[in-house]
Amino acid sequence: MSFDPSSRSRLSSHDLHRFAQDSLFCRVARVLCEANCVPRKELYEAWEVARRARRRFRGGRVVDLACGHGLVAQLMLLLDDKSPSALAVDSKLPPSASRVNECLSQAWPRLRGRVQLVEAELESIALDAEDVIVSCHACGSLTDQVLGRALLVRAKVAVLPCCQATGKSDLGGLAGWLDPALAIDVTRAAKLRAAGYWVHTQTIPAEITPKNRLLLAGP
């Protein structure tokens, strides 16, 4: 039977054999299989965002906005121990978010006490220019909020946009040429460049998600 990385099915102990290698990804996956609460898709998306962001951004406090289980934040710490801490924020954290953090902290004790899970509105979080702000599939105009917060403090930022809100987000006058969702993302990149940021664009594998455009930028 094929193993679909885009599935929203929870990873479970039945999947352990699929992650037999000693890579960091497989070790994390095995921990999450035992935790039995994280959708398969969330692991694959978080891994692709975290590893690509870490190639561009080293150190700094990691701030994971619209974080879900906070996987991106915790993977960022595992990939680069120079970051002192991570803050994972969502307006409504999954009930199992603390379990995921505890399971990962048991496997990697250096995570203990360095990851803060916060249930709050994004606008209430104090940010700093030294932060690395990440967001994996912040729905609709939430991605614009994340980018706006990053711009306000001149922080580095990586976003994987989701469900682009054509009624709320700026299409940059490009809807006559481009698919509306792509027009929104192109306009986001253009605004970052106009604000003096460098911009780098990538895609994560489409078999994980069709909403796979990754935008990385820094001042």
N, C-alpha and C. Protein backbone atom coordinates (compact mmCIF):
# COMPACT_ATOMS: atom_id res chain seq x y z
N MET A 1 0.84 -1.19 0.00
CA MET A 1 0.00 0.00 0.00
C MET A 1 0.88 1.25 0.00
N SER A 2 0.55 2.23 -0.84
CA SER A 2 1.35 3.45 -0.93
C SER A 2 1.18 4.29 0.34
N PHE A 3 2.17 5.08 0.61
CA PHE A 3 2.18 5.94 1.79
C PHE A 3 2.12 7.38 1.31
N ASP A 4 0.97 8.00 1.43
CA ASP A 4 0.74 9.32 0.87
C ASP A 4 1.15 10.40 1.87
N PRO A 5 2.20 11.19 1.57
CA PRO A 5 2.64 12.22 2.51
C PRO A 5 1.65 13.38 2.65
N SER A 6 0.66 13.46 1.77
CA SER A 6 -0.33 14.53 1.86
C SER A 6 -1.54 14.15 2.71
N SER A 7 -1.54 12.93 3.22
CA SER A 7 -2.68 12.44 4.00
C SER A 7 -2.78 13.17 5.34
N ARG A 8 -4.02 13.41 5.76
CA ARG A 8 -4.25 14.00 7.08
C ARG A 8 -4.40 12.93 8.16
N SER A 9 -4.20 11.68 7.80
CA SER A 9 -4.23 10.60 8.80
C SER A 9 -3.11 10.79 9.81
N ARG A 10 -3.39 10.44 11.04
CA ARG A 10 -2.37 10.57 12.08
C ARG A 10 -1.28 9.53 11.92
N LEU A 11 -0.07 9.96 12.17
CA LEU A 11 1.03 9.00 12.27
C LEU A 11 0.80 8.13 13.50
N SER A 12 1.08 6.84 13.37
CA SER A 12 0.87 5.92 14.49
C SER A 12 1.98 4.88 14.52
N SER A 13 1.94 4.04 15.53
CA SER A 13 2.96 3.00 15.67
C SER A 13 2.95 2.04 14.47
N HIS A 14 1.84 1.98 13.75
CA HIS A 14 1.77 1.12 12.56
C HIS A 14 2.68 1.64 11.44
N ASP A 15 3.09 2.91 11.54
CA ASP A 15 3.93 3.51 10.50
C ASP A 15 5.42 3.47 10.83
N LEU A 16 5.77 2.96 11.99
CA LEU A 16 7.17 3.01 12.43
C LEU A 16 8.13 2.39 11.42
N HIS A 17 7.72 1.30 10.79
CA HIS A 17 8.62 0.60 9.87
C HIS A 17 8.97 1.44 8.65
N ARG A 18 8.19 2.46 8.38
CA ARG A 18 8.45 3.31 7.21
C ARG A 18 9.59 4.30 7.46
N PHE A 19 10.00 4.42 8.71
CA PHE A 19 11.02 5.41 9.08
C PHE A 19 12.18 4.72 9.80
N ALA A 20 12.75 3.73 9.14
CA ALA A 20 13.77 2.88 9.78
C ALA A 20 15.17 3.48 9.74
N GLN A 21 15.40 4.47 8.90
CA GLN A 21 16.76 5.01 8.76
C GLN A 21 17.13 5.85 9.98
N ASP A 22 18.43 6.18 10.07
CA ASP A 22 18.92 6.93 11.23
C ASP A 22 19.02 8.43 10.95
N SER A 23 18.36 8.91 9.91
CA SER A 23 18.37 10.35 9.62
C SER A 23 17.56 11.10 10.67
N LEU A 24 17.80 12.40 10.78
CA LEU A 24 17.04 13.20 11.74
C LEU A 24 15.56 13.15 11.42
N PHE A 25 15.22 13.23 10.14
CA PHE A 25 13.81 13.18 9.76
C PHE A 25 13.15 11.90 10.26
N CYS A 26 13.80 10.77 10.02
CA CYS A 26 13.22 9.49 10.44
C CYS A 26 13.15 9.37 11.96
N ARG A 27 14.13 9.89 12.65
CA ARG A 27 14.10 9.85 14.12
C ARG A 27 12.94 10.68 14.66
N VAL A 28 12.74 11.86 14.09
CA VAL A 28 11.60 12.69 14.49
C VAL A 28 10.30 11.98 14.15
N ALA A 29 10.22 11.41 12.96
CA ALA A 29 9.00 10.72 12.54
C ALA A 29 8.66 9.57 13.49
N ARG A 30 9.66 8.83 13.94
CA ARG A 30 9.39 7.71 14.85
C ARG A 30 8.82 8.22 16.18
N VAL A 31 9.35 9.33 16.66
CA VAL A 31 8.83 9.92 17.90
C VAL A 31 7.36 10.31 17.71
N LEU A 32 7.05 10.90 16.56
CA LEU A 32 5.68 11.34 16.31
C LEU A 32 4.75 10.16 16.06
N CYS A 33 5.27 9.08 15.50
CA CYS A 33 4.46 7.86 15.37
C CYS A 33 4.04 7.35 16.75
N GLU A 34 4.97 7.37 17.68
CA GLU A 34 4.67 6.92 19.05
C GLU A 34 3.70 7.89 19.74
N ALA A 35 3.81 9.17 19.41
CA ALA A 35 2.92 10.17 20.02
C ALA A 35 1.47 9.99 19.55
N ASN A 36 1.30 9.51 18.31
CA ASN A 36 -0.01 9.15 17.79
C ASN A 36 -1.01 10.32 17.78
N CYS A 37 -0.56 11.49 17.37
CA CYS A 37 -1.48 12.64 17.37
C CYS A 37 -1.22 13.65 16.25
N VAL A 38 -0.18 13.44 15.45
CA VAL A 38 0.19 14.42 14.43
C VAL A 38 -0.18 13.92 13.03
N PRO A 39 -0.91 14.71 12.26
CA PRO A 39 -1.21 14.32 10.88
C PRO A 39 0.07 14.14 10.06
N ARG A 40 0.06 13.13 9.23
CA ARG A 40 1.21 12.83 8.38
C ARG A 40 1.64 14.07 7.58
N LYS A 41 0.67 14.76 7.01
CA LYS A 41 0.91 15.94 6.18
C LYS A 41 1.66 17.03 6.97
N GLU A 42 1.30 17.18 8.24
CA GLU A 42 1.92 18.22 9.06
C GLU A 42 3.42 17.96 9.25
N LEU A 43 3.78 16.71 9.46
CA LEU A 43 5.20 16.37 9.60
C LEU A 43 5.97 16.72 8.32
N TYR A 44 5.47 16.27 7.18
CA TYR A 44 6.20 16.49 5.93
C TYR A 44 6.30 17.96 5.58
N GLU A 45 5.22 18.72 5.77
CA GLU A 45 5.26 20.15 5.49
C GLU A 45 6.23 20.86 6.42
N ALA A 46 6.14 20.55 7.71
CA ALA A 46 7.00 21.21 8.70
C ALA A 46 8.47 20.92 8.41
N TRP A 47 8.79 19.69 8.05
CA TRP A 47 10.17 19.32 7.76
C TRP A 47 10.70 20.10 6.56
N GLU A 48 9.92 20.16 5.50
CA GLU A 48 10.38 20.86 4.29
C GLU A 48 10.59 22.34 4.55
N VAL A 49 9.68 22.96 5.31
CA VAL A 49 9.83 24.38 5.62
C VAL A 49 11.03 24.61 6.52
N ALA A 50 11.16 23.81 7.57
CA ALA A 50 12.24 24.01 8.55
C ALA A 50 13.62 23.81 7.92
N ARG A 51 13.79 22.76 7.16
CA ARG A 51 15.14 22.49 6.63
C ARG A 51 15.54 23.52 5.58
N ARG A 52 14.58 24.00 4.80
CA ARG A 52 14.90 25.01 3.80
C ARG A 52 15.13 26.37 4.44
N ALA A 53 14.35 26.68 5.46
CA ALA A 53 14.57 27.95 6.17
C ALA A 53 15.92 27.96 6.86
N ARG A 54 16.33 26.83 7.40
CA ARG A 54 17.61 26.78 8.11
C ARG A 54 18.81 26.94 7.18
N ARG A 55 18.65 26.64 5.92
CA ARG A 55 19.75 26.86 4.98
C ARG A 55 20.01 28.35 4.79
N ARG A 56 19.00 29.16 5.02
CA ARG A 56 19.11 30.61 4.84
C ARG A 56 19.29 31.36 6.16
N PHE A 57 18.68 30.84 7.22
CA PHE A 57 18.64 31.57 8.49
C PHE A 57 19.25 30.73 9.60
N ARG A 58 20.33 31.21 10.18
CA ARG A 58 20.97 30.52 11.30
C ARG A 58 20.80 31.37 12.56
N GLY A 59 20.71 30.69 13.70
CA GLY A 59 20.59 31.39 14.97
C GLY A 59 19.28 32.13 15.11
N GLY A 60 19.21 33.03 16.08
CA GLY A 60 18.02 33.83 16.32
C GLY A 60 16.94 33.05 17.04
N ARG A 61 16.10 33.77 17.79
CA ARG A 61 14.93 33.12 18.37
C ARG A 61 13.97 32.75 17.24
N VAL A 62 13.47 31.54 17.26
CA VAL A 62 12.51 31.09 16.25
C VAL A 62 11.10 31.43 16.75
N VAL A 63 10.32 32.10 15.91
CA VAL A 63 8.93 32.41 16.25
C VAL A 63 8.04 31.78 15.18
N ASP A 64 7.30 30.77 15.58
CA ASP A 64 6.44 30.00 14.68
C ASP A 64 5.01 30.50 14.87
N LEU A 65 4.51 31.27 13.91
CA LEU A 65 3.18 31.88 14.01
C LEU A 65 2.15 31.04 13.26
N ALA A 66 0.94 30.92 13.85
CA ALA A 66 -0.08 29.99 13.34
C ALA A 66 0.54 28.59 13.30
N CYS A 67 1.03 28.16 14.45
CA CYS A 67 2.01 27.07 14.55
C CYS A 67 1.44 25.67 14.53
N GLY A 68 0.13 25.48 14.77
CA GLY A 68 -0.36 24.12 14.92
C GLY A 68 0.29 23.45 16.12
N HIS A 69 0.94 22.32 15.90
CA HIS A 69 1.65 21.62 16.99
C HIS A 69 3.02 22.24 17.29
N GLY A 70 3.41 23.28 16.56
CA GLY A 70 4.72 23.89 16.80
C GLY A 70 5.87 23.08 16.26
N LEU A 71 5.59 22.23 15.28
CA LEU A 71 6.64 21.35 14.75
C LEU A 71 7.75 22.12 14.05
N VAL A 72 7.40 23.15 13.28
CA VAL A 72 8.43 23.90 12.57
C VAL A 72 9.41 24.50 13.57
N ALA A 73 8.89 25.09 14.63
CA ALA A 73 9.75 25.71 15.65
C ALA A 73 10.72 24.69 16.24
N GLN A 74 10.21 23.52 16.58
CA GLN A 74 11.04 22.52 17.25
C GLN A 74 12.05 21.90 16.28
N LEU A 75 11.64 21.71 15.05
CA LEU A 75 12.58 21.21 14.04
C LEU A 75 13.69 22.23 13.78
N MET A 76 13.34 23.51 13.79
CA MET A 76 14.36 24.55 13.59
C MET A 76 15.42 24.50 14.68
N LEU A 77 15.01 24.23 15.92
CA LEU A 77 15.98 24.12 17.01
C LEU A 77 16.84 22.87 16.84
N LEU A 78 16.24 21.78 16.41
CA LEU A 78 17.03 20.56 16.20
C LEU A 78 18.02 20.71 15.06
N LEU A 79 17.65 21.48 14.05
CA LEU A 79 18.52 21.66 12.89
C LEU A 79 19.64 22.66 13.14
N ASP A 80 19.46 23.56 14.10
CA ASP A 80 20.49 24.56 14.40
C ASP A 80 20.41 24.92 15.88
N ASP A 81 21.32 24.39 16.65
CA ASP A 81 21.28 24.57 18.10
C ASP A 81 21.74 25.96 18.54
N LYS A 82 22.14 26.80 17.57
CA LYS A 82 22.56 28.16 17.94
C LYS A 82 21.37 29.05 18.30
N SER A 83 20.18 28.66 17.89
CA SER A 83 19.00 29.41 18.31
C SER A 83 18.75 29.15 19.79
N PRO A 84 18.62 30.21 20.59
CA PRO A 84 18.48 30.01 22.04
C PRO A 84 17.13 29.42 22.43
N SER A 85 16.08 29.76 21.68
CA SER A 85 14.74 29.34 22.08
C SER A 85 13.79 29.44 20.90
N ALA A 86 12.58 28.93 21.12
CA ALA A 86 11.53 29.01 20.11
C ALA A 86 10.21 29.34 20.77
N LEU A 87 9.44 30.17 20.10
CA LEU A 87 8.10 30.55 20.55
C LEU A 87 7.12 30.07 19.49
N ALA A 88 6.18 29.23 19.89
CA ALA A 88 5.18 28.68 18.96
C ALA A 88 3.81 29.22 19.35
N VAL A 89 3.20 29.96 18.44
CA VAL A 89 1.99 30.71 18.76
C VAL A 89 0.84 30.32 17.83
N ASP A 90 -0.33 30.11 18.42
CA ASP A 90 -1.53 29.88 17.62
C ASP A 90 -2.72 30.44 18.39
N SER A 91 -3.72 30.92 17.66
CA SER A 91 -4.90 31.44 18.34
C SER A 91 -5.66 30.32 19.05
N LYS A 92 -5.48 29.08 18.57
CA LYS A 92 -6.04 27.92 19.26
C LYS A 92 -5.09 26.74 19.05
N LEU A 93 -4.31 26.45 20.04
CA LEU A 93 -3.37 25.33 19.96
C LEU A 93 -4.12 24.00 19.98
N PRO A 94 -3.66 23.01 19.23
CA PRO A 94 -4.25 21.68 19.35
C PRO A 94 -4.06 21.15 20.77
N PRO A 95 -5.02 20.41 21.30
CA PRO A 95 -4.87 19.85 22.65
C PRO A 95 -3.61 19.00 22.81
N SER A 96 -3.14 18.42 21.71
CA SER A 96 -1.97 17.54 21.76
C SER A 96 -0.65 18.26 21.55
N ALA A 97 -0.65 19.59 21.44
CA ALA A 97 0.60 20.33 21.19
C ALA A 97 1.61 20.11 22.31
N SER A 98 1.16 20.13 23.56
CA SER A 98 2.09 19.94 24.67
C SER A 98 2.62 18.51 24.69
N ARG A 99 1.81 17.55 24.27
CA ARG A 99 2.27 16.16 24.20
C ARG A 99 3.39 16.01 23.17
N VAL A 100 3.23 16.65 22.03
CA VAL A 100 4.27 16.60 21.00
C VAL A 100 5.57 17.18 21.53
N ASN A 101 5.48 18.32 22.21
CA ASN A 101 6.68 18.93 22.77
C ASN A 101 7.33 18.03 23.81
N GLU A 102 6.52 17.40 24.64
CA GLU A 102 7.07 16.51 25.67
C GLU A 102 7.75 15.30 25.05
N CYS A 103 7.13 14.71 24.03
CA CYS A 103 7.73 13.55 23.38
C CYS A 103 9.05 13.91 22.70
N LEU A 104 9.09 15.05 22.02
CA LEU A 104 10.33 15.47 21.37
C LEU A 104 11.39 15.83 22.40
N SER A 105 10.98 16.41 23.52
CA SER A 105 11.94 16.77 24.57
C SER A 105 12.52 15.54 25.25
N GLN A 106 11.73 14.48 25.34
CA GLN A 106 12.26 13.23 25.89
C GLN A 106 13.31 12.64 24.96
N ALA A 107 13.07 12.74 23.66
CA ALA A 107 14.02 12.20 22.69
C ALA A 107 15.25 13.10 22.55
N TRP A 108 15.05 14.41 22.68
CA TRP A 108 16.14 15.40 22.58
C TRP A 108 16.07 16.31 23.81
N PRO A 109 16.68 15.92 24.91
CA PRO A 109 16.58 16.70 26.15
C PRO A 109 17.00 18.16 26.01
N ARG A 110 17.82 18.48 25.01
CA ARG A 110 18.25 19.87 24.84
C ARG A 110 17.09 20.78 24.42
N LEU A 111 15.96 20.20 24.01
CA LEU A 111 14.78 21.01 23.70
C LEU A 111 14.03 21.46 24.95
N ARG A 112 14.23 20.73 26.04
CA ARG A 112 13.43 20.98 27.24
C ARG A 112 13.64 22.40 27.76
N GLY A 113 12.55 23.10 27.97
CA GLY A 113 12.60 24.45 28.50
C GLY A 113 12.91 25.52 27.47
N ARG A 114 13.14 25.13 26.24
CA ARG A 114 13.51 26.11 25.20
C ARG A 114 12.37 26.40 24.23
N VAL A 115 11.28 25.65 24.33
CA VAL A 115 10.14 25.83 23.44
C VAL A 115 8.93 26.28 24.25
N GLN A 116 8.41 27.44 23.93
CA GLN A 116 7.24 27.96 24.62
C GLN A 116 6.04 27.91 23.70
N LEU A 117 4.99 27.21 24.12
CA LEU A 117 3.75 27.12 23.37
C LEU A 117 2.78 28.16 23.93
N VAL A 118 2.30 29.04 23.07
CA VAL A 118 1.45 30.15 23.53
C VAL A 118 0.17 30.19 22.71
N GLU A 119 -0.97 30.21 23.41
CA GLU A 119 -2.25 30.38 22.74
C GLU A 119 -2.61 31.86 22.82
N ALA A 120 -2.51 32.55 21.70
CA ALA A 120 -2.73 34.00 21.66
C ALA A 120 -2.94 34.45 20.23
N GLU A 121 -3.47 35.64 20.08
CA GLU A 121 -3.58 36.24 18.75
C GLU A 121 -2.19 36.69 18.29
N LEU A 122 -1.94 36.56 17.02
CA LEU A 122 -0.61 36.88 16.48
C LEU A 122 -0.20 38.31 16.77
N GLU A 123 -1.15 39.23 16.70
CA GLU A 123 -0.83 40.65 16.87
C GLU A 123 -0.37 40.98 18.28
N SER A 124 -0.64 40.09 19.23
CA SER A 124 -0.28 40.38 20.63
C SER A 124 1.15 39.98 20.97
N ILE A 125 1.85 39.33 20.04
CA ILE A 125 3.18 38.80 20.31
C ILE A 125 4.26 39.84 20.00
N ALA A 126 5.12 40.10 20.98
CA ALA A 126 6.23 41.04 20.78
C ALA A 126 7.33 40.35 19.97
N LEU A 127 7.78 41.02 18.92
CA LEU A 127 8.80 40.47 18.04
C LEU A 127 10.02 41.37 18.03
N ASP A 128 11.13 40.83 17.51
CA ASP A 128 12.41 41.54 17.53
C ASP A 128 13.12 41.33 16.19
N ALA A 129 14.00 42.25 15.85
CA ALA A 129 14.73 42.17 14.59
C ALA A 129 15.61 40.92 14.50
N GLU A 130 16.01 40.35 15.64
CA GLU A 130 16.86 39.16 15.63
C GLU A 130 16.07 37.87 15.48
N ASP A 131 14.75 37.96 15.51
CA ASP A 131 13.91 36.76 15.40
C ASP A 131 13.95 36.18 13.98
N VAL A 132 13.72 34.89 13.91
CA VAL A 132 13.45 34.21 12.64
C VAL A 132 11.98 33.80 12.69
N ILE A 133 11.16 34.45 11.88
CA ILE A 133 9.71 34.23 11.92
C ILE A 133 9.34 33.22 10.83
N VAL A 134 8.62 32.19 11.23
CA VAL A 134 8.21 31.15 10.28
C VAL A 134 6.71 30.92 10.40
N SER A 135 6.11 30.50 9.30
CA SER A 135 4.69 30.17 9.33
C SER A 135 4.39 29.19 8.20
N CYS A 136 3.86 28.05 8.58
CA CYS A 136 3.57 26.98 7.63
C CYS A 136 2.06 26.87 7.45
N HIS A 137 1.58 27.31 6.31
CA HIS A 137 0.16 27.25 5.96
C HIS A 137 -0.72 28.06 6.90
N ALA A 138 -0.32 29.33 7.13
CA ALA A 138 -1.22 30.28 7.77
C ALA A 138 -2.30 30.63 6.75
N CYS A 139 -3.53 30.32 7.07
CA CYS A 139 -4.60 30.39 6.07
C CYS A 139 -4.95 31.82 5.67
N GLY A 140 -5.20 32.01 4.39
CA GLY A 140 -5.70 33.26 3.87
C GLY A 140 -4.83 34.45 4.20
N SER A 141 -5.50 35.51 4.67
CA SER A 141 -4.80 36.76 4.95
C SER A 141 -3.92 36.68 6.20
N LEU A 142 -3.98 35.55 6.90
CA LEU A 142 -3.10 35.35 8.06
C LEU A 142 -1.63 35.42 7.64
N THR A 143 -1.33 34.93 6.44
CA THR A 143 0.05 35.04 5.93
C THR A 143 0.46 36.50 5.78
N ASP A 144 -0.47 37.34 5.35
CA ASP A 144 -0.16 38.77 5.23
C ASP A 144 0.12 39.39 6.59
N GLN A 145 -0.59 38.93 7.61
CA GLN A 145 -0.32 39.41 8.97
C GLN A 145 1.09 39.02 9.41
N VAL A 146 1.46 37.78 9.11
CA VAL A 146 2.80 37.31 9.48
C VAL A 146 3.87 38.15 8.79
N LEU A 147 3.71 38.37 7.50
CA LEU A 147 4.68 39.17 6.76
C LEU A 147 4.70 40.61 7.26
N GLY A 148 3.54 41.14 7.59
CA GLY A 148 3.47 42.50 8.11
C GLY A 148 4.19 42.65 9.43
N ARG A 149 4.04 41.65 10.31
CA ARG A 149 4.73 41.69 11.60
C ARG A 149 6.24 41.61 11.42
N ALA A 150 6.68 40.76 10.48
CA ALA A 150 8.11 40.64 10.21
C ALA A 150 8.68 41.94 9.68
N LEU A 151 7.97 42.56 8.75
CA LEU A 151 8.43 43.82 8.17
C LEU A 151 8.53 44.92 9.22
N LEU A 152 7.59 44.92 10.14
CA LEU A 152 7.54 45.98 11.16
C LEU A 152 8.81 46.03 11.99
N VAL A 153 9.39 44.85 12.27
CA VAL A 153 10.60 44.81 13.11
C VAL A 153 11.85 44.49 12.29
N ARG A 154 11.69 44.32 10.97
CA ARG A 154 12.81 44.00 10.08
C ARG A 154 13.43 42.64 10.42
N ALA A 155 12.57 41.67 10.66
CA ALA A 155 13.02 40.31 10.98
C ALA A 155 13.05 39.44 9.73
N LYS A 156 13.82 38.38 9.79
CA LYS A 156 13.85 37.38 8.72
C LYS A 156 12.55 36.58 8.78
N VAL A 157 12.09 36.11 7.62
CA VAL A 157 10.78 35.46 7.59
C VAL A 157 10.73 34.37 6.52
N ALA A 158 10.02 33.30 6.83
CA ALA A 158 9.75 32.21 5.88
C ALA A 158 8.29 31.82 6.01
N VAL A 159 7.57 31.83 4.89
CA VAL A 159 6.15 31.46 4.93
C VAL A 159 5.83 30.49 3.80
N LEU A 160 4.93 29.57 4.11
CA LEU A 160 4.35 28.67 3.11
C LEU A 160 2.86 29.01 3.07
N PRO A 161 2.45 29.93 2.17
CA PRO A 161 1.07 30.42 2.19
C PRO A 161 0.05 29.32 1.89
N CYS A 162 -1.18 29.56 2.35
CA CYS A 162 -2.25 28.58 2.17
C CYS A 162 -3.57 29.31 1.94
N CYS A 163 -4.41 28.76 1.09
CA CYS A 163 -5.77 29.27 0.91
C CYS A 163 -5.79 30.78 0.74
N GLN A 164 -5.07 31.27 -0.25
CA GLN A 164 -4.96 32.71 -0.48
C GLN A 164 -6.34 33.35 -0.57
N ALA A 165 -6.53 34.40 0.22
CA ALA A 165 -7.84 35.06 0.33
C ALA A 165 -7.96 36.13 -0.75
N THR A 166 -8.56 35.78 -1.87
CA THR A 166 -8.64 36.72 -2.99
C THR A 166 -9.48 37.95 -2.65
N GLY A 167 -10.36 37.83 -1.67
CA GLY A 167 -11.18 38.97 -1.29
C GLY A 167 -10.51 39.90 -0.31
N LYS A 168 -9.44 39.44 0.35
CA LYS A 168 -8.78 40.23 1.38
C LYS A 168 -7.35 40.60 1.03
N SER A 169 -6.65 39.74 0.33
CA SER A 169 -5.24 39.96 0.02
C SER A 169 -5.08 40.76 -1.27
N ASP A 170 -3.94 41.42 -1.39
CA ASP A 170 -3.64 42.27 -2.55
C ASP A 170 -3.18 41.40 -3.73
N LEU A 171 -3.88 41.51 -4.86
CA LEU A 171 -3.51 40.76 -6.06
C LEU A 171 -2.54 41.55 -6.93
N GLY A 172 -2.22 42.77 -6.54
CA GLY A 172 -1.23 43.56 -7.25
C GLY A 172 -1.59 43.90 -8.69
N GLY A 173 -2.88 43.83 -9.02
CA GLY A 173 -3.30 44.11 -10.39
C GLY A 173 -2.92 43.03 -11.38
N LEU A 174 -2.53 41.85 -10.88
CA LEU A 174 -2.00 40.79 -11.75
C LEU A 174 -3.00 39.70 -12.09
N ALA A 175 -4.24 39.84 -11.61
CA ALA A 175 -5.22 38.76 -11.79
C ALA A 175 -5.56 38.53 -13.26
N GLY A 176 -5.32 39.52 -14.12
CA GLY A 176 -5.58 39.33 -15.55
C GLY A 176 -4.55 38.46 -16.23
N TRP A 177 -3.39 38.29 -15.59
CA TRP A 177 -2.30 37.50 -16.18
C TRP A 177 -2.09 36.17 -15.45
N LEU A 178 -2.30 36.21 -14.13
CA LEU A 178 -1.92 35.07 -13.30
C LEU A 178 -3.13 34.50 -12.57
N ASP A 179 -3.03 33.23 -12.22
CA ASP A 179 -3.98 32.65 -11.29
C ASP A 179 -4.03 33.53 -10.04
N PRO A 180 -5.22 33.82 -9.49
CA PRO A 180 -5.30 34.74 -8.35
C PRO A 180 -4.41 34.38 -7.17
N ALA A 181 -4.31 33.10 -6.83
CA ALA A 181 -3.46 32.70 -5.71
C ALA A 181 -2.00 33.03 -6.00
N LEU A 182 -1.55 32.77 -7.23
CA LEU A 182 -0.17 33.09 -7.60
C LEU A 182 0.04 34.60 -7.62
N ALA A 183 -0.96 35.35 -8.10
CA ALA A 183 -0.86 36.81 -8.12
C ALA A 183 -0.64 37.35 -6.71
N ILE A 184 -1.35 36.78 -5.74
CA ILE A 184 -1.20 37.21 -4.34
C ILE A 184 0.22 36.95 -3.85
N ASP A 185 0.75 35.77 -4.14
CA ASP A 185 2.09 35.43 -3.65
C ASP A 185 3.18 36.26 -4.35
N VAL A 186 3.01 36.52 -5.64
CA VAL A 186 3.96 37.37 -6.37
C VAL A 186 3.94 38.78 -5.78
N THR A 187 2.75 39.28 -5.48
CA THR A 187 2.63 40.61 -4.89
C THR A 187 3.28 40.66 -3.52
N ARG A 188 3.14 39.60 -2.74
CA ARG A 188 3.80 39.54 -1.44
C ARG A 188 5.32 39.65 -1.60
N ALA A 189 5.86 38.90 -2.54
CA ALA A 189 7.31 38.96 -2.78
C ALA A 189 7.73 40.35 -3.23
N ALA A 190 6.93 40.97 -4.10
CA ALA A 190 7.26 42.31 -4.59
C ALA A 190 7.25 43.34 -3.47
N LYS A 191 6.31 43.21 -2.55
CA LYS A 191 6.24 44.15 -1.43
C LYS A 191 7.46 44.01 -0.53
N LEU A 192 7.91 42.79 -0.32
CA LEU A 192 9.11 42.57 0.49
C LEU A 192 10.32 43.21 -0.18
N ARG A 193 10.46 43.03 -1.47
CA ARG A 193 11.58 43.64 -2.20
C ARG A 193 11.50 45.16 -2.14
N ALA A 194 10.30 45.70 -2.27
CA ALA A 194 10.14 47.15 -2.22
C ALA A 194 10.50 47.70 -0.84
N ALA A 195 10.40 46.85 0.18
CA ALA A 195 10.74 47.26 1.54
C ALA A 195 12.23 47.05 1.85
N GLY A 196 13.01 46.67 0.83
CA GLY A 196 14.44 46.51 1.01
C GLY A 196 14.88 45.12 1.42
N TYR A 197 13.98 44.16 1.35
CA TYR A 197 14.32 42.77 1.68
C TYR A 197 14.88 42.06 0.44
N TRP A 198 15.79 41.10 0.68
CA TRP A 198 16.10 40.15 -0.37
C TRP A 198 15.01 39.08 -0.32
N VAL A 199 14.73 38.48 -1.44
CA VAL A 199 13.66 37.48 -1.53
C VAL A 199 14.18 36.23 -2.23
N HIS A 200 13.84 35.08 -1.68
CA HIS A 200 14.17 33.80 -2.32
C HIS A 200 12.92 32.94 -2.34
N THR A 201 12.61 32.37 -3.49
CA THR A 201 11.41 31.55 -3.62
C THR A 201 11.78 30.11 -3.97
N GLN A 202 11.03 29.18 -3.41
CA GLN A 202 11.21 27.76 -3.68
C GLN A 202 9.84 27.10 -3.70
N THR A 203 9.81 25.84 -4.09
CA THR A 203 8.61 25.03 -3.90
C THR A 203 9.00 23.77 -3.14
N ILE A 204 8.12 23.33 -2.25
CA ILE A 204 8.32 22.04 -1.62
C ILE A 204 7.62 21.00 -2.50
N PRO A 205 7.89 19.71 -2.31
CA PRO A 205 7.33 18.70 -3.21
C PRO A 205 5.80 18.77 -3.30
N ALA A 206 5.29 18.76 -4.52
CA ALA A 206 3.85 18.87 -4.75
C ALA A 206 3.09 17.65 -4.22
N GLU A 207 3.77 16.52 -4.06
CA GLU A 207 3.07 15.35 -3.53
C GLU A 207 2.71 15.52 -2.05
N ILE A 208 3.34 16.50 -1.39
CA ILE A 208 2.97 16.80 0.00
C ILE A 208 1.77 17.73 0.04
N THR A 209 1.81 18.77 -0.78
CA THR A 209 0.71 19.73 -0.86
C THR A 209 0.78 20.49 -2.18
N PRO A 210 -0.37 20.75 -2.81
CA PRO A 210 -0.36 21.59 -4.01
C PRO A 210 -0.10 23.05 -3.68
N LYS A 211 -0.32 23.43 -2.42
CA LYS A 211 -0.05 24.80 -1.96
C LYS A 211 1.39 24.82 -1.46
N ASN A 212 2.32 24.79 -2.40
CA ASN A 212 3.70 24.45 -2.06
C ASN A 212 4.72 25.55 -2.31
N ARG A 213 4.27 26.80 -2.44
CA ARG A 213 5.21 27.90 -2.69
C ARG A 213 5.78 28.42 -1.38
N LEU A 214 7.10 28.33 -1.26
CA LEU A 214 7.79 28.78 -0.05
C LEU A 214 8.47 30.12 -0.34
N LEU A 215 8.19 31.10 0.49
CA LEU A 215 8.75 32.44 0.36
C LEU A 215 9.66 32.72 1.54
N LEU A 216 10.94 32.98 1.26
CA LEU A 216 11.92 33.32 2.30
C LEU A 216 12.45 34.71 2.01
N ALA A 217 12.62 35.51 3.06
CA ALA A 217 13.07 36.89 2.85
C ALA A 217 13.76 37.42 4.10
N GLY A 218 14.68 38.36 3.87
CA GLY A 218 15.39 38.98 4.98
C GLY A 218 15.84 40.38 4.63
N PRO A 219 16.06 41.23 5.63
CA PRO A 219 16.48 42.62 5.38
C PRO A 219 17.93 42.72 4.93
